[in-house]
N, C-alpha and C. Protein backbone atom coordinates (compact mmCIF):
# COMPACT_ATOMS: atom_id res chain seq x y z
N MET A 1 0.83 -1.18 0.01
CA MET A 1 0.00 0.04 0.01
C MET A 1 0.90 1.29 -0.01
N SER A 2 0.50 2.18 -0.74
CA SER A 2 1.25 3.44 -0.82
C SER A 2 1.30 4.25 0.47
N ASP A 3 2.35 4.97 0.69
CA ASP A 3 2.47 5.76 1.91
C ASP A 3 1.37 6.81 1.92
N LYS A 4 0.91 7.28 0.83
CA LYS A 4 -0.11 8.36 0.85
C LYS A 4 -1.38 7.86 1.49
N PHE A 5 -1.64 6.57 1.58
CA PHE A 5 -2.88 6.08 2.29
C PHE A 5 -2.63 5.73 3.71
N ASN A 6 -1.39 5.92 4.14
CA ASN A 6 -1.04 5.64 5.55
C ASN A 6 -0.94 6.92 6.35
N LYS A 7 -1.11 8.09 5.77
CA LYS A 7 -0.94 9.34 6.43
C LYS A 7 -2.18 9.69 7.29
N SER A 8 -1.94 10.43 8.33
CA SER A 8 -3.02 11.01 9.10
C SER A 8 -2.63 12.43 9.50
N LYS A 9 -3.63 13.16 9.95
CA LYS A 9 -3.34 14.51 10.40
C LYS A 9 -4.16 14.72 11.67
N ARG A 10 -3.61 15.46 12.57
CA ARG A 10 -4.22 15.69 13.85
C ARG A 10 -4.36 17.23 14.17
N GLY A 11 -5.39 17.51 14.94
CA GLY A 11 -5.56 18.88 15.34
C GLY A 11 -6.48 18.91 16.62
N HIS A 12 -6.59 20.10 17.19
CA HIS A 12 -7.36 20.29 18.34
C HIS A 12 -8.44 21.38 18.04
N VAL A 13 -9.55 21.22 18.71
CA VAL A 13 -10.60 22.22 18.56
C VAL A 13 -11.37 22.33 19.88
N ASN A 14 -11.77 23.55 20.24
CA ASN A 14 -12.56 23.87 21.41
C ASN A 14 -14.09 23.84 21.06
N LEU A 15 -14.86 22.89 21.50
CA LEU A 15 -16.25 22.78 21.10
C LEU A 15 -17.20 23.46 22.06
N GLY A 16 -16.69 24.14 23.00
CA GLY A 16 -17.56 24.84 24.01
C GLY A 16 -17.01 26.17 24.35
N LYS A 17 -17.60 26.81 25.39
CA LYS A 17 -17.30 28.11 25.77
C LYS A 17 -16.24 28.14 26.87
N ASN A 18 -15.87 27.01 27.40
CA ASN A 18 -14.87 26.97 28.48
C ASN A 18 -13.70 26.05 27.96
N SER A 19 -12.57 26.25 28.69
CA SER A 19 -11.37 25.54 28.23
C SER A 19 -11.38 24.02 28.39
N GLY A 20 -12.38 23.47 29.09
CA GLY A 20 -12.47 22.08 29.35
C GLY A 20 -13.17 21.31 28.23
N THR A 21 -13.40 21.91 27.18
CA THR A 21 -14.14 21.32 26.06
C THR A 21 -13.25 21.02 24.78
N GLU A 22 -11.93 20.90 25.00
CA GLU A 22 -11.00 20.68 23.86
C GLU A 22 -11.10 19.23 23.43
N VAL A 23 -11.18 19.05 22.16
CA VAL A 23 -11.24 17.73 21.49
C VAL A 23 -10.17 17.59 20.53
N GLU A 24 -9.50 16.43 20.50
CA GLU A 24 -8.46 16.13 19.52
C GLU A 24 -9.15 15.38 18.43
N ALA A 25 -8.84 15.88 17.17
CA ALA A 25 -9.42 15.24 15.90
C ALA A 25 -8.24 14.62 15.13
N THR A 26 -8.43 13.34 14.73
CA THR A 26 -7.50 12.61 13.86
C THR A 26 -8.15 12.26 12.58
N LEU A 27 -7.63 12.83 11.52
CA LEU A 27 -8.21 12.49 10.18
C LEU A 27 -7.30 11.48 9.55
N SER A 28 -7.94 10.40 9.07
CA SER A 28 -7.21 9.33 8.38
C SER A 28 -7.92 8.98 7.07
N PRO A 29 -7.36 8.10 6.18
CA PRO A 29 -8.01 7.79 4.98
C PRO A 29 -9.44 7.12 5.22
N ILE A 30 -9.67 6.54 6.34
CA ILE A 30 -10.98 5.91 6.59
C ILE A 30 -12.02 6.69 7.32
N GLY A 31 -11.58 7.89 7.91
CA GLY A 31 -12.50 8.67 8.63
C GLY A 31 -11.86 9.62 9.58
N ILE A 32 -12.63 9.88 10.65
CA ILE A 32 -12.14 10.86 11.72
C ILE A 32 -12.41 10.17 13.02
N THR A 33 -11.42 10.33 13.88
CA THR A 33 -11.56 9.96 15.29
C THR A 33 -11.51 11.19 16.14
N LEU A 34 -12.47 11.41 17.08
CA LEU A 34 -12.43 12.40 18.01
C LEU A 34 -12.22 11.93 19.48
N THR A 35 -11.33 12.51 20.22
CA THR A 35 -11.15 12.12 21.58
C THR A 35 -11.10 13.31 22.46
N GLY A 36 -11.65 13.23 23.65
CA GLY A 36 -11.74 14.32 24.65
C GLY A 36 -12.94 14.20 25.59
N GLU A 37 -12.79 14.73 26.78
CA GLU A 37 -13.85 14.58 27.77
C GLU A 37 -15.07 15.42 27.27
N ALA A 38 -14.85 16.44 26.43
CA ALA A 38 -16.02 17.21 26.01
C ALA A 38 -17.03 16.44 25.23
N LEU A 39 -16.67 15.35 24.65
CA LEU A 39 -17.56 14.55 23.80
C LEU A 39 -18.71 13.97 24.61
N GLY A 40 -18.54 13.73 25.90
CA GLY A 40 -19.58 13.25 26.73
C GLY A 40 -20.75 14.29 26.91
N MET A 41 -20.45 15.54 26.62
CA MET A 41 -21.43 16.60 26.74
C MET A 41 -22.10 16.96 25.46
N ILE A 42 -21.68 16.37 24.35
CA ILE A 42 -22.27 16.63 23.03
C ILE A 42 -23.15 15.46 22.50
N ARG A 43 -24.37 15.79 22.21
CA ARG A 43 -25.28 14.75 21.52
C ARG A 43 -24.73 14.47 20.15
N MET A 44 -24.72 13.25 19.74
CA MET A 44 -24.23 12.86 18.44
C MET A 44 -25.05 13.47 17.44
N GLU A 45 -26.34 13.78 17.63
CA GLU A 45 -27.18 14.41 16.65
C GLU A 45 -26.71 15.84 16.36
N ASP A 46 -26.03 16.48 17.27
CA ASP A 46 -25.53 17.83 17.22
C ASP A 46 -24.12 17.98 16.66
N LEU A 47 -23.49 16.82 16.36
CA LEU A 47 -22.13 16.87 15.83
C LEU A 47 -22.11 17.00 14.37
N LYS A 48 -21.46 17.97 13.83
CA LYS A 48 -21.45 18.29 12.36
C LYS A 48 -19.94 18.44 11.96
N ILE A 49 -19.50 17.60 10.95
CA ILE A 49 -18.21 17.70 10.50
C ILE A 49 -18.18 17.95 9.06
N GLU A 50 -17.28 18.83 8.58
CA GLU A 50 -17.13 19.02 7.16
C GLU A 50 -15.69 19.03 6.76
N LEU A 51 -15.29 18.29 5.77
CA LEU A 51 -14.05 18.25 5.14
C LEU A 51 -14.07 19.14 3.94
N GLN A 52 -13.16 20.08 3.91
CA GLN A 52 -13.11 21.02 2.73
C GLN A 52 -11.80 20.59 1.98
N LEU A 53 -11.95 20.12 0.69
CA LEU A 53 -10.89 19.67 -0.09
C LEU A 53 -10.27 20.79 -0.86
N LYS A 54 -9.01 20.53 -1.31
CA LYS A 54 -8.27 21.61 -2.00
C LYS A 54 -8.85 21.91 -3.38
N ASP A 55 -9.65 21.00 -4.02
CA ASP A 55 -10.33 21.37 -5.23
C ASP A 55 -11.64 22.16 -5.12
N GLY A 56 -11.94 22.41 -3.82
CA GLY A 56 -13.14 23.25 -3.62
C GLY A 56 -14.34 22.45 -3.20
N THR A 57 -14.38 21.12 -3.33
CA THR A 57 -15.44 20.30 -2.91
C THR A 57 -15.46 20.01 -1.50
N LYS A 58 -16.58 19.59 -0.93
CA LYS A 58 -16.76 19.42 0.48
C LYS A 58 -17.37 18.05 0.73
N MET A 59 -17.01 17.43 1.85
CA MET A 59 -17.66 16.17 2.33
C MET A 59 -18.19 16.50 3.68
N SER A 60 -19.50 16.16 3.85
CA SER A 60 -20.07 16.41 5.10
C SER A 60 -20.36 15.10 5.88
N ALA A 61 -20.05 15.19 7.14
CA ALA A 61 -20.35 14.02 7.98
C ALA A 61 -21.45 14.54 8.96
N LEU A 62 -22.67 14.21 8.62
CA LEU A 62 -23.76 14.68 9.47
C LEU A 62 -24.32 13.60 10.31
N THR A 63 -24.14 12.37 9.88
CA THR A 63 -24.64 11.18 10.59
C THR A 63 -23.57 10.09 10.52
N GLY A 64 -23.79 9.01 11.15
CA GLY A 64 -22.89 7.84 11.07
C GLY A 64 -21.75 7.83 12.12
N PHE A 65 -22.06 8.54 13.20
CA PHE A 65 -20.99 8.58 14.28
C PHE A 65 -21.18 7.38 15.17
N ILE A 66 -20.04 6.90 15.65
CA ILE A 66 -20.15 5.79 16.61
C ILE A 66 -19.48 6.33 17.88
N GLN A 67 -20.22 6.38 19.00
CA GLN A 67 -19.57 6.71 20.29
C GLN A 67 -19.12 5.49 21.05
N LEU A 68 -17.85 5.26 21.08
CA LEU A 68 -17.34 3.98 21.73
C LEU A 68 -17.21 4.22 23.25
N HIS A 69 -16.94 5.44 23.66
CA HIS A 69 -16.88 5.72 25.14
C HIS A 69 -17.34 7.19 25.25
N ASN A 70 -17.45 7.72 26.45
CA ASN A 70 -17.81 9.07 26.53
C ASN A 70 -16.77 10.03 25.97
N ASP A 71 -15.55 9.60 25.92
CA ASP A 71 -14.50 10.49 25.35
C ASP A 71 -13.96 9.96 23.97
N LEU A 72 -14.62 9.11 23.27
CA LEU A 72 -14.18 8.61 21.98
C LEU A 72 -15.36 8.47 21.02
N VAL A 73 -15.19 9.21 19.91
CA VAL A 73 -16.31 9.10 18.86
C VAL A 73 -15.52 8.83 17.48
N LYS A 74 -16.06 7.98 16.67
CA LYS A 74 -15.54 7.72 15.28
C LYS A 74 -16.55 8.04 14.24
N TRP A 75 -16.02 8.51 13.12
CA TRP A 75 -16.94 8.54 11.91
C TRP A 75 -16.12 7.86 10.78
N ILE A 76 -16.77 6.88 10.19
CA ILE A 76 -16.15 6.09 9.18
C ILE A 76 -16.73 6.56 7.79
N SER A 77 -15.90 7.09 6.89
CA SER A 77 -16.37 7.63 5.62
C SER A 77 -16.76 6.54 4.70
N SER A 78 -17.74 6.82 3.82
CA SER A 78 -18.21 5.85 2.83
C SER A 78 -17.24 5.69 1.70
N LYS A 79 -16.24 6.62 1.62
CA LYS A 79 -15.20 6.48 0.61
C LYS A 79 -13.90 6.89 1.19
N THR A 80 -12.80 6.36 0.61
CA THR A 80 -11.52 6.71 1.04
C THR A 80 -11.18 8.15 1.00
N ILE A 81 -10.58 8.71 2.12
CA ILE A 81 -10.27 10.14 2.09
C ILE A 81 -8.80 10.27 1.76
N ARG A 82 -8.53 11.07 0.80
CA ARG A 82 -7.07 11.37 0.48
C ARG A 82 -6.66 12.48 1.41
N VAL A 83 -6.05 12.08 2.46
CA VAL A 83 -5.70 13.09 3.56
C VAL A 83 -4.95 14.25 2.94
N GLU A 84 -4.05 14.06 2.04
CA GLU A 84 -3.25 15.13 1.49
C GLU A 84 -4.10 16.16 0.68
N ASP A 85 -5.36 15.73 0.30
CA ASP A 85 -6.25 16.63 -0.47
C ASP A 85 -7.12 17.50 0.43
N VAL A 86 -7.13 17.24 1.72
CA VAL A 86 -7.98 17.95 2.65
C VAL A 86 -7.29 19.31 3.03
N SER A 87 -7.94 20.41 2.74
CA SER A 87 -7.38 21.69 3.10
C SER A 87 -7.89 22.17 4.52
N ASN A 88 -9.10 21.84 4.87
CA ASN A 88 -9.72 22.19 6.13
C ASN A 88 -10.60 21.13 6.67
N LEU A 89 -10.59 21.13 8.03
CA LEU A 89 -11.60 20.26 8.78
C LEU A 89 -12.38 21.18 9.67
N VAL A 90 -13.69 21.14 9.58
CA VAL A 90 -14.53 22.08 10.37
C VAL A 90 -15.42 21.16 11.18
N ILE A 91 -15.40 21.41 12.54
CA ILE A 91 -16.30 20.68 13.45
C ILE A 91 -17.17 21.66 14.09
N ASN A 92 -18.47 21.46 13.99
CA ASN A 92 -19.48 22.43 14.59
C ASN A 92 -19.12 23.90 14.38
N GLY A 93 -18.67 24.15 13.20
CA GLY A 93 -18.40 25.57 12.76
C GLY A 93 -17.00 26.01 13.28
N GLN A 94 -16.24 25.17 13.83
CA GLN A 94 -14.90 25.57 14.33
C GLN A 94 -13.86 24.90 13.46
N LYS A 95 -12.97 25.70 12.90
CA LYS A 95 -11.87 25.22 11.99
C LYS A 95 -10.84 24.60 12.91
N VAL A 96 -10.40 23.35 12.42
CA VAL A 96 -9.37 22.52 13.11
C VAL A 96 -8.07 22.72 12.32
N ASN A 97 -7.06 23.25 13.04
CA ASN A 97 -5.77 23.35 12.37
C ASN A 97 -5.07 21.97 12.42
N LEU A 98 -4.96 21.39 11.22
CA LEU A 98 -4.37 20.03 11.10
C LEU A 98 -2.90 20.06 10.87
N GLU A 99 -2.23 19.05 11.57
CA GLU A 99 -0.79 18.91 11.33
C GLU A 99 -0.50 17.43 11.19
N GLU A 100 0.52 17.15 10.44
CA GLU A 100 0.95 15.74 10.26
C GLU A 100 1.61 15.22 11.43
């Protein structure tokens, strides 16, 4: 398998009004993993994720989340994500600064 399919990017986002609601987001070719104590306070129905690609297209993750624990949520994409083609990740309106 090519190295481009093994890459992932990580970033942090604050999903609330206080400092205790920081969530780590990991973007991989199969989807997004969110970790953080703040996830226990967010209803899955209220979680909105958008991937903005370099070509101007967008992928929205509005449903299909799996909450494995209070502090771990996964979203599996219906198609492979080319991580290097993602320019922005937006969670509930908040831009996540992604780093390799």
